[in-house]
Amino acid sequence: MVSRPLHDHDYALVVELLHEMRRRSGLTQVALAKRLGVDQSLVSKVERKERRLDVAELRRVCTALGVSLGEFVERFESAIKVGRKSRTTPPRRGKI
């Protein structure tokens, strides 16, 4: 198994998607923490990328946010594809 840093691009995208989903669902960190049965500081540490989630924890977070782990993975894969495309597409020149 390869050791991965907390701050790699893919994990940053996982956290960004989770944060966006929490905000869109209208939940505060405190409300999400209550649904998960954990302290708010854990949610905060995850969102600040100080604490990495394992797959079982990710599944519980997804469930608390009202999406399946499979749906989250599909969103993640789509976001990666969009990110790769935007990094490989040269910027347009001309009028905006």
PDB file of N, CA and C in Angstrom:
ATOM      1  N   MET A   1       0.844  -1.173   0.000  1.00  0.00           N
ATOM      2  CA  MET A   1       0.000   0.000   0.000  1.00  0.00           C
ATOM      3  C   MET A   1       0.896   1.246   0.000  1.00  0.00           C
ATOM      4  N   VAL A   2       0.528   2.218  -0.798  1.00  0.00           N
ATOM      5  CA  VAL A   2       1.302   3.444  -0.940  1.00  0.00           C
ATOM      6  C   VAL A   2       0.811   4.474   0.064  1.00  0.00           C
ATOM      7  N   SER A   3       1.730   5.087   0.765  1.00  0.00           N
ATOM      8  CA  SER A   3       1.383   6.163   1.687  1.00  0.00           C
ATOM      9  C   SER A   3       1.102   7.425   0.876  1.00  0.00           C
ATOM     10  N   ARG A   4      -0.030   8.095   1.148  1.00  0.00           N
ATOM     11  CA  ARG A   4      -0.403   9.285   0.388  1.00  0.00           C
ATOM     12  C   ARG A   4      -0.478  10.482   1.329  1.00  0.00           C
ATOM     13  N   PRO A   5       0.032  11.604   0.906  1.00  0.00           N
ATOM     14  CA  PRO A   5      -0.053  12.802   1.741  1.00  0.00           C
ATOM     15  C   PRO A   5      -1.495  13.300   1.847  1.00  0.00           C
ATOM     16  N   LEU A   6      -1.756  14.058   2.886  1.00  0.00           N
ATOM     17  CA  LEU A   6      -3.094  14.617   3.091  1.00  0.00           C
ATOM     18  C   LEU A   6      -3.453  15.643   2.025  1.00  0.00           C
ATOM     19  N   HIS A   7      -2.465  16.221   1.380  1.00  0.00           N
ATOM     20  CA  HIS A   7      -2.713  17.374   0.526  1.00  0.00           C
ATOM     21  C   HIS A   7      -2.562  17.088  -0.958  1.00  0.00           C
ATOM     22  N   ASP A   8      -2.744  15.845  -1.412  1.00  0.00           N
ATOM     23  CA  ASP A   8      -2.642  15.602  -2.842  1.00  0.00           C
ATOM     24  C   ASP A   8      -3.896  16.114  -3.552  1.00  0.00           C
ATOM     25  N   HIS A   9      -3.792  16.307  -4.853  1.00  0.00           N
ATOM     26  CA  HIS A   9      -4.869  16.924  -5.627  1.00  0.00           C
ATOM     27  C   HIS A   9      -6.172  16.126  -5.553  1.00  0.00           C
ATOM     28  N   ASP A  10      -6.095  14.812  -5.698  1.00  0.00           N
ATOM     29  CA  ASP A  10      -7.308  14.001  -5.684  1.00  0.00           C
ATOM     30  C   ASP A  10      -8.030  14.082  -4.344  1.00  0.00           C
ATOM     31  N   TYR A  11      -7.272  14.031  -3.238  1.00  0.00           N
ATOM     32  CA  TYR A  11      -7.927  14.105  -1.937  1.00  0.00           C
ATOM     33  C   TYR A  11      -8.511  15.502  -1.706  1.00  0.00           C
ATOM     34  N   ALA A  12      -7.831  16.525  -2.190  1.00  0.00           N
ATOM     35  CA  ALA A  12      -8.374  17.883  -2.076  1.00  0.00           C
ATOM     36  C   ALA A  12      -9.718  17.964  -2.796  1.00  0.00           C
ATOM     37  N   LEU A  13      -9.845  17.265  -3.915  1.00  0.00           N
ATOM     38  CA  LEU A  13     -11.099  17.247  -4.652  1.00  0.00           C
ATOM     39  C   LEU A  13     -12.192  16.509  -3.871  1.00  0.00           C
ATOM     40  N   VAL A  14     -11.838  15.414  -3.212  1.00  0.00           N
ATOM     41  CA  VAL A  14     -12.793  14.695  -2.356  1.00  0.00           C
ATOM     42  C   VAL A  14     -13.349  15.649  -1.304  1.00  0.00           C
ATOM     43  N   VAL A  15     -12.466  16.354  -0.638  1.00  0.00           N
ATOM     44  CA  VAL A  15     -12.880  17.271   0.429  1.00  0.00           C
ATOM     45  C   VAL A  15     -13.722  18.414  -0.134  1.00  0.00           C
ATOM     46  N   GLU A  16     -13.320  18.941  -1.275  1.00  0.00           N
ATOM     47  CA  GLU A  16     -14.075  20.025  -1.901  1.00  0.00           C
ATOM     48  C   GLU A  16     -15.501  19.578  -2.230  1.00  0.00           C
ATOM     49  N   LEU A  17     -15.641  18.384  -2.778  1.00  0.00           N
ATOM     50  CA  LEU A  17     -16.970  17.864  -3.095  1.00  0.00           C
ATOM     51  C   LEU A  17     -17.810  17.650  -1.836  1.00  0.00           C
ATOM     52  N   LEU A  18     -17.223  17.087  -0.802  1.00  0.00           N
ATOM     53  CA  LEU A  18     -17.955  16.879   0.452  1.00  0.00           C
ATOM     54  C   LEU A  18     -18.411  18.208   1.053  1.00  0.00           C
ATOM     55  N   HIS A  19     -17.514  19.188   1.047  1.00  0.00           N
ATOM     56  CA  HIS A  19     -17.839  20.510   1.587  1.00  0.00           C
ATOM     57  C   HIS A  19     -18.989  21.137   0.792  1.00  0.00           C
ATOM     58  N   GLU A  20     -18.897  21.051  -0.536  1.00  0.00           N
ATOM     59  CA  GLU A  20     -19.941  21.610  -1.392  1.00  0.00           C
ATOM     60  C   GLU A  20     -21.278  20.911  -1.152  1.00  0.00           C
ATOM     61  N   MET A  21     -21.261  19.599  -1.020  1.00  0.00           N
ATOM     62  CA  MET A  21     -22.492  18.849  -0.767  1.00  0.00           C
ATOM     63  C   MET A  21     -23.091  19.216   0.591  1.00  0.00           C
ATOM     64  N   ARG A  22     -22.249  19.388   1.595  1.00  0.00           N
ATOM     65  CA  ARG A  22     -22.748  19.780   2.925  1.00  0.00           C
ATOM     66  C   ARG A  22     -23.417  21.140   2.855  1.00  0.00           C
ATOM     67  N   ARG A  23     -22.751  22.084   2.196  1.00  0.00           N
ATOM     68  CA  ARG A  23     -23.305  23.439   2.106  1.00  0.00           C
ATOM     69  C   ARG A  23     -24.621  23.457   1.318  1.00  0.00           C
ATOM     70  N   ARG A  24     -24.653  22.726   0.201  1.00  0.00           N
ATOM     71  CA  ARG A  24     -25.872  22.685  -0.622  1.00  0.00           C
ATOM     72  C   ARG A  24     -27.040  22.040   0.115  1.00  0.00           C
ATOM     73  N   SER A  25     -26.732  21.128   1.013  1.00  0.00           N
ATOM     74  CA  SER A  25     -27.807  20.487   1.779  1.00  0.00           C
ATOM     75  C   SER A  25     -28.264  21.354   2.946  1.00  0.00           C
ATOM     76  N   GLY A  26     -27.582  22.489   3.148  1.00  0.00           N
ATOM     77  CA  GLY A  26     -27.977  23.414   4.199  1.00  0.00           C
ATOM     78  C   GLY A  26     -27.511  23.020   5.589  1.00  0.00           C
ATOM     79  N   LEU A  27     -26.565  22.100   5.651  1.00  0.00           N
ATOM     80  CA  LEU A  27     -26.074  21.639   6.948  1.00  0.00           C
ATOM     81  C   LEU A  27     -24.841  22.426   7.393  1.00  0.00           C
ATOM     82  N   THR A  28     -24.800  22.724   8.668  1.00  0.00           N
ATOM     83  CA  THR A  28     -23.577  23.271   9.258  1.00  0.00           C
ATOM     84  C   THR A  28     -22.668  22.093   9.623  1.00  0.00           C
ATOM     85  N   GLN A  29     -21.435  22.395   9.968  1.00  0.00           N
ATOM     86  CA  GLN A  29     -20.538  21.350  10.455  1.00  0.00           C
ATOM     87  C   GLN A  29     -21.123  20.697  11.701  1.00  0.00           C
ATOM     88  N   VAL A  30     -21.721  21.490  12.570  1.00  0.00           N
ATOM     89  CA  VAL A  30     -22.313  20.968  13.805  1.00  0.00           C
ATOM     90  C   VAL A  30     -23.448  19.997  13.488  1.00  0.00           C
ATOM     91  N   ALA A  31     -24.312  20.368  12.550  1.00  0.00           N
ATOM     92  CA  ALA A  31     -25.446  19.506  12.188  1.00  0.00           C
ATOM     93  C   ALA A  31     -24.965  18.200  11.557  1.00  0.00           C
ATOM     94  N   LEU A  32     -23.961  18.284  10.679  1.00  0.00           N
ATOM     95  CA  LEU A  32     -23.423  17.069  10.072  1.00  0.00           C
ATOM     96  C   LEU A  32     -22.781  16.187  11.136  1.00  0.00           C
ATOM     97  N   ALA A  33     -22.039  16.801  12.038  1.00  0.00           N
ATOM     98  CA  ALA A  33     -21.397  16.040  13.117  1.00  0.00           C
ATOM     99  C   ALA A  33     -22.444  15.310  13.961  1.00  0.00           C
ATOM    100  N   LYS A  34     -23.561  15.965  14.247  1.00  0.00           N
ATOM    101  CA  LYS A  34     -24.633  15.319  15.021  1.00  0.00           C
ATOM    102  C   LYS A  34     -25.189  14.116  14.275  1.00  0.00           C
ATOM    103  N   ARG A  35     -25.394  14.261  12.965  1.00  0.00           N
ATOM    104  CA  ARG A  35     -25.884  13.128  12.172  1.00  0.00           C
ATOM    105  C   ARG A  35     -24.905  11.955  12.214  1.00  0.00           C
ATOM    106  N   LEU A  36     -23.611  12.282  12.254  1.00  0.00           N
ATOM    107  CA  LEU A  36     -22.576  11.248  12.253  1.00  0.00           C
ATOM    108  C   LEU A  36     -22.276  10.711  13.646  1.00  0.00           C
ATOM    109  N   GLY A  37     -22.718  11.429  14.685  1.00  0.00           N
ATOM    110  CA  GLY A  37     -22.411  11.025  16.048  1.00  0.00           C
ATOM    111  C   GLY A  37     -20.967  11.283  16.429  1.00  0.00           C
ATOM    112  N   VAL A  38     -20.404  12.356  15.856  1.00  0.00           N
ATOM    113  CA  VAL A  38     -19.016  12.729  16.144  1.00  0.00           C
ATOM    114  C   VAL A  38     -18.968  14.185  16.574  1.00  0.00           C
ATOM    115  N   ASP A  39     -17.814  14.617  17.014  1.00  0.00           N
ATOM    116  CA  ASP A  39     -17.625  16.006  17.404  1.00  0.00           C
ATOM    117  C   ASP A  39     -17.446  16.879  16.160  1.00  0.00           C
ATOM    118  N   GLN A  40     -17.907  18.112  16.237  1.00  0.00           N
ATOM    119  CA  GLN A  40     -17.777  19.058  15.121  1.00  0.00           C
ATOM    120  C   GLN A  40     -16.330  19.239  14.713  1.00  0.00           C
ATOM    121  N   SER A  41     -15.401  19.116  15.645  1.00  0.00           N
ATOM    122  CA  SER A  41     -13.986  19.323  15.309  1.00  0.00           C
ATOM    123  C   SER A  41     -13.496  18.290  14.292  1.00  0.00           C
ATOM    124  N   LEU A  42     -14.081  17.091  14.297  1.00  0.00           N
ATOM    125  CA  LEU A  42     -13.693  16.087  13.303  1.00  0.00           C
ATOM    126  C   LEU A  42     -14.102  16.539  11.900  1.00  0.00           C
ATOM    127  N   VAL A  43     -15.321  17.050  11.765  1.00  0.00           N
ATOM    128  CA  VAL A  43     -15.782  17.555  10.468  1.00  0.00           C
ATOM    129  C   VAL A  43     -14.886  18.700  10.015  1.00  0.00           C
ATOM    130  N   SER A  44     -14.556  19.581  10.923  1.00  0.00           N
ATOM    131  CA  SER A  44     -13.684  20.708  10.610  1.00  0.00           C
ATOM    132  C   SER A  44     -12.301  20.238  10.152  1.00  0.00           C
ATOM    133  N   LYS A  45     -11.738  19.278  10.850  1.00  0.00           N
ATOM    134  CA  LYS A  45     -10.407  18.770  10.480  1.00  0.00           C
ATOM    135  C   LYS A  45     -10.421  18.120   9.101  1.00  0.00           C
ATOM    136  N   VAL A  46     -11.500  17.419   8.786  1.00  0.00           N
ATOM    137  CA  VAL A  46     -11.614  16.807   7.452  1.00  0.00           C
ATOM    138  C   VAL A  46     -11.680  17.911   6.400  1.00  0.00           C
ATOM    139  N   GLU A  47     -12.512  18.920   6.623  1.00  0.00           N
ATOM    140  CA  GLU A  47     -12.670  19.992   5.638  1.00  0.00           C
ATOM    141  C   GLU A  47     -11.410  20.844   5.500  1.00  0.00           C
ATOM    142  N   ARG A  48     -10.586  20.893   6.528  1.00  0.00           N
ATOM    143  CA  ARG A  48      -9.306  21.635   6.446  1.00  0.00           C
ATOM    144  C   ARG A  48      -8.167  20.735   5.983  1.00  0.00           C
ATOM    145  N   LYS A  49      -8.500  19.492   5.660  1.00  0.00           N
ATOM    146  CA  LYS A  49      -7.538  18.490   5.184  1.00  0.00           C
ATOM    147  C   LYS A  49      -6.471  18.162   6.228  1.00  0.00           C
ATOM    148  N   GLU A  50      -6.858  18.228   7.488  1.00  0.00           N
ATOM    149  CA  GLU A  50      -5.953  17.831   8.571  1.00  0.00           C
ATOM    150  C   GLU A  50      -6.182  16.381   8.971  1.00  0.00           C
ATOM    151  N   ARG A  51      -7.300  15.828   8.542  1.00  0.00           N
ATOM    152  CA  ARG A  51      -7.674  14.451   8.876  1.00  0.00           C
ATOM    153  C   ARG A  51      -8.221  13.787   7.626  1.00  0.00           C
ATOM    154  N   ARG A  52      -7.670  12.650   7.285  1.00  0.00           N
ATOM    155  CA  ARG A  52      -8.077  11.913   6.088  1.00  0.00           C
ATOM    156  C   ARG A  52      -9.140  10.871   6.457  1.00  0.00           C
ATOM    157  N   LEU A  53     -10.177  10.747   5.626  1.00  0.00           N
ATOM    158  CA  LEU A  53     -11.223   9.762   5.860  1.00  0.00           C
ATOM    159  C   LEU A  53     -10.841   8.430   5.236  1.00  0.00           C
ATOM    160  N   ASP A  54     -11.198   7.341   5.918  1.00  0.00           N
ATOM    161  CA  ASP A  54     -11.072   6.039   5.254  1.00  0.00           C
ATOM    162  C   ASP A  54     -12.386   5.788   4.515  1.00  0.00           C
ATOM    163  N   VAL A  55     -12.466   4.715   3.739  1.00  0.00           N
ATOM    164  CA  VAL A  55     -13.626   4.482   2.881  1.00  0.00           C
ATOM    165  C   VAL A  55     -14.902   4.243   3.695  1.00  0.00           C
ATOM    166  N   ALA A  56     -14.803   3.606   4.836  1.00  0.00           N
ATOM    167  CA  ALA A  56     -15.984   3.386   5.674  1.00  0.00           C
ATOM    168  C   ALA A  56     -16.509   4.715   6.219  1.00  0.00           C
ATOM    169  N   GLU A  57     -15.595   5.594   6.632  1.00  0.00           N
ATOM    170  CA  GLU A  57     -16.004   6.914   7.117  1.00  0.00           C
ATOM    171  C   GLU A  57     -16.611   7.737   5.982  1.00  0.00           C
ATOM    172  N   LEU A  58     -16.010   7.656   4.801  1.00  0.00           N
ATOM    173  CA  LEU A  58     -16.537   8.378   3.647  1.00  0.00           C
ATOM    174  C   LEU A  58     -17.964   7.918   3.346  1.00  0.00           C
ATOM    175  N   ARG A  59     -18.202   6.628   3.424  1.00  0.00           N
ATOM    176  CA  ARG A  59     -19.550   6.090   3.193  1.00  0.00           C
ATOM    177  C   ARG A  59     -20.542   6.659   4.201  1.00  0.00           C
ATOM    178  N   ARG A  60     -20.147   6.721   5.482  1.00  0.00           N
ATOM    179  CA  ARG A  60     -21.048   7.271   6.515  1.00  0.00           C
ATOM    180  C   ARG A  60     -21.338   8.756   6.256  1.00  0.00           C
ATOM    181  N   VAL A  61     -20.317   9.506   5.844  1.00  0.00           N
ATOM    182  CA  VAL A  61     -20.518  10.929   5.548  1.00  0.00           C
ATOM    183  C   VAL A  61     -21.477  11.081   4.369  1.00  0.00           C
ATOM    184  N   CYS A  62     -21.252  10.300   3.323  1.00  0.00           N
ATOM    185  CA  CYS A  62     -22.143  10.360   2.161  1.00  0.00           C
ATOM    186  C   CYS A  62     -23.580  10.062   2.565  1.00  0.00           C
ATOM    187  N   THR A  63     -23.782   9.014   3.346  1.00  0.00           N
ATOM    188  CA  THR A  63     -25.117   8.647   3.801  1.00  0.00           C
ATOM    189  C   THR A  63     -25.748   9.795   4.594  1.00  0.00           C
ATOM    190  N   ALA A  64     -24.969  10.431   5.459  1.00  0.00           N
ATOM    191  CA  ALA A  64     -25.472  11.564   6.250  1.00  0.00           C
ATOM    192  C   ALA A  64     -25.833  12.752   5.363  1.00  0.00           C
ATOM    193  N   LEU A  65     -25.195  12.839   4.205  1.00  0.00           N
ATOM    194  CA  LEU A  65     -25.475  13.923   3.261  1.00  0.00           C
ATOM    195  C   LEU A  65     -26.567  13.546   2.257  1.00  0.00           C
ATOM    196  N   GLY A  66     -27.069  12.316   2.356  1.00  0.00           N
ATOM    197  CA  GLY A  66     -28.177  11.901   1.515  1.00  0.00           C
ATOM    198  C   GLY A  66     -27.793  11.383   0.139  1.00  0.00           C
ATOM    199  N   VAL A  67     -26.544  10.957  -0.024  1.00  0.00           N
ATOM    200  CA  VAL A  67     -26.120  10.355  -1.297  1.00  0.00           C
ATOM    201  C   VAL A  67     -25.441   9.024  -1.010  1.00  0.00           C
ATOM    202  N   SER A  68     -25.472   8.152  -1.985  1.00  0.00           N
ATOM    203  CA  SER A  68     -24.774   6.883  -1.811  1.00  0.00           C
ATOM    204  C   SER A  68     -23.293   7.073  -2.087  1.00  0.00           C
ATOM    205  N   LEU A  69     -22.497   6.146  -1.591  1.00  0.00           N
ATOM    206  CA  LEU A  69     -21.067   6.183  -1.880  1.00  0.00           C
ATOM    207  C   LEU A  69     -20.839   6.078  -3.387  1.00  0.00           C
ATOM    208  N   GLY A  70     -21.621   5.246  -4.058  1.00  0.00           N
ATOM    209  CA  GLY A  70     -21.493   5.102  -5.510  1.00  0.00           C
ATOM    210  C   GLY A  70     -21.752   6.404  -6.250  1.00  0.00           C
ATOM    211  N   GLU A  71     -22.795   7.129  -5.829  1.00  0.00           N
ATOM    212  CA  GLU A  71     -23.105   8.420  -6.452  1.00  0.00           C
ATOM    213  C   GLU A  71     -21.967   9.415  -6.204  1.00  0.00           C
ATOM    214  N   PHE A  72     -21.429   9.399  -4.998  1.00  0.00           N
ATOM    215  CA  PHE A  72     -20.316  10.303  -4.697  1.00  0.00           C
ATOM    216  C   PHE A  72     -19.118   9.982  -5.595  1.00  0.00           C
ATOM    217  N   VAL A  73     -18.811   8.708  -5.746  1.00  0.00           N
ATOM    218  CA  VAL A  73     -17.676   8.306  -6.579  1.00  0.00           C
ATOM    219  C   VAL A  73     -17.901   8.749  -8.026  1.00  0.00           C
ATOM    220  N   GLU A  74     -19.133   8.635  -8.522  1.00  0.00           N
ATOM    221  CA  GLU A  74     -19.429   9.106  -9.879  1.00  0.00           C
ATOM    222  C   GLU A  74     -19.170  10.606 -10.003  1.00  0.00           C
ATOM    223  N   ARG A  75     -19.608  11.378  -9.011  1.00  0.00           N
ATOM    224  CA  ARG A  75     -19.361  12.829  -9.026  1.00  0.00           C
ATOM    225  C   ARG A  75     -17.858  13.120  -8.981  1.00  0.00           C
ATOM    226  N   PHE A  76     -17.142  12.364  -8.154  1.00  0.00           N
ATOM    227  CA  PHE A  76     -15.699  12.528  -8.024  1.00  0.00           C
ATOM    228  C   PHE A  76     -15.003  12.246  -9.356  1.00  0.00           C
ATOM    229  N   GLU A  77     -15.363  11.135 -10.001  1.00  0.00           N
ATOM    230  CA  GLU A  77     -14.764  10.775 -11.286  1.00  0.00           C
ATOM    231  C   GLU A  77     -15.060  11.837 -12.344  1.00  0.00           C
ATOM    232  N   SER A  78     -16.273  12.360 -12.365  1.00  0.00           N
ATOM    233  CA  SER A  78     -16.622  13.422 -13.314  1.00  0.00           C
ATOM    234  C   SER A  78     -15.791  14.670 -13.063  1.00  0.00           C
ATOM    235  N   ALA A  79     -15.625  15.023 -11.793  1.00  0.00           N
ATOM    236  CA  ALA A  79     -14.844  16.212 -11.446  1.00  0.00           C
ATOM    237  C   ALA A  79     -13.380  16.039 -11.838  1.00  0.00           C
ATOM    238  N   ILE A  80     -12.846  14.840 -11.683  1.00  0.00           N
ATOM    239  CA  ILE A  80     -11.458  14.583 -12.090  1.00  0.00           C
ATOM    240  C   ILE A  80     -11.318  14.759 -13.594  1.00  0.00           C
ATOM    241  N   LYS A  81     -12.271  14.219 -14.361  1.00  0.00           N
ATOM    242  CA  LYS A  81     -12.215  14.349 -15.817  1.00  0.00           C
ATOM    243  C   LYS A  81     -12.274  15.811 -16.240  1.00  0.00           C
ATOM    244  N   VAL A  82     -13.142  16.584 -15.624  1.00  0.00           N
ATOM    245  CA  VAL A  82     -13.252  18.007 -15.934  1.00  0.00           C
ATOM    246  C   VAL A  82     -11.946  18.715 -15.590  1.00  0.00           C
ATOM    247  N   GLY A  83     -11.375  18.376 -14.445  1.00  0.00           N
ATOM    248  CA  GLY A  83     -10.118  18.993 -14.025  1.00  0.00           C
ATOM    249  C   GLY A  83      -8.977  18.671 -14.971  1.00  0.00           C
ATOM    250  N   ARG A  84      -8.900  17.429 -15.405  1.00  0.00           N
ATOM    251  CA  ARG A  84      -7.842  17.039 -16.345  1.00  0.00           C
ATOM    252  C   ARG A  84      -8.019  17.742 -17.675  1.00  0.00           C
ATOM    253  N   LYS A  85      -9.264  17.843 -18.124  1.00  0.00           N
ATOM    254  CA  LYS A  85      -9.529  18.499 -19.393  1.00  0.00           C
ATOM    255  C   LYS A  85      -9.139  19.971 -19.326  1.00  0.00           C
ATOM    256  N   SER A  86      -9.465  20.639 -18.210  1.00  0.00           N
ATOM    257  CA  SER A  86      -9.151  22.066 -18.095  1.00  0.00           C
ATOM    258  C   SER A  86      -7.648  22.300 -17.961  1.00  0.00           C
ATOM    259  N   ARG A  87      -6.926  21.311 -17.424  1.00  0.00           N
ATOM    260  CA  ARG A  87      -5.468  21.476 -17.306  1.00  0.00           C
ATOM    261  C   ARG A  87      -4.761  21.208 -18.625  1.00  0.00           C
ATOM    262  N   THR A  88      -5.401  20.455 -19.529  1.00  0.00           N
ATOM    263  CA  THR A  88      -4.753  20.127 -20.788  1.00  0.00           C
ATOM    264  C   THR A  88      -5.217  21.010 -21.935  1.00  0.00           C
ATOM    265  N   THR A  89      -6.314  21.734 -21.754  1.00  0.00           N
ATOM    266  CA  THR A  89      -6.823  22.614 -22.791  1.00  0.00           C
ATOM    267  C   THR A  89      -6.131  23.964 -22.682  1.00  0.00           C
ATOM    268  N   PRO A  90      -5.474  24.423 -23.770  1.00  0.00           N
ATOM    269  CA  PRO A  90      -4.820  25.730 -23.699  1.00  0.00           C
ATOM    270  C   PRO A  90      -5.845  26.840 -23.553  1.00  0.00           C
ATOM    271  N   PRO A  91      -5.480  27.902 -22.868  1.00  0.00           N
ATOM    272  CA  PRO A  91      -6.417  29.015 -22.688  1.00  0.00           C
ATOM    273  C   PRO A  91      -6.758  29.652 -24.031  1.00  0.00           C
ATOM    274  N   ARG A  92      -7.996  30.102 -24.162  1.00  0.00           N
ATOM    275  CA  ARG A  92      -8.424  30.785 -25.392  1.00  0.00           C
ATOM    276  C   ARG A  92      -7.867  32.194 -25.416  1.00  0.00           C
ATOM    277  N   ARG A  93      -7.561  32.637 -26.587  1.00  0.00           N
ATOM    278  CA  ARG A  93      -7.093  34.003 -26.763  1.00  0.00           C
ATOM    279  C   ARG A  93      -8.184  34.774 -27.489  1.00  0.00           C
ATOM    280  N   GLY A  94      -8.243  36.049 -27.233  1.00  0.00           N
ATOM    281  CA  GLY A  94      -9.215  36.871 -27.939  1.00  0.00           C
ATOM    282  C   GLY A  94     -10.148  37.565 -26.977  1.00  0.00           C
ATOM    283  N   LYS A  95     -11.258  37.994 -27.513  1.00  0.00           N
ATOM    284  CA  LYS A  95     -12.237  38.744 -26.713  1.00  0.00           C
ATOM    285  C   LYS A  95     -12.940  37.843 -25.718  1.00  0.00           C
ATOM    286  N   ILE A  96     -13.279  38.444 -24.605  1.00  0.00           N
ATOM    287  CA  ILE A  96     -14.010  37.721 -23.571  1.00  0.00           C
ATOM    288  C   ILE A  96     -15.458  38.071 -23.639  1.00  0.00           C
TER     289      ILE A  96
END
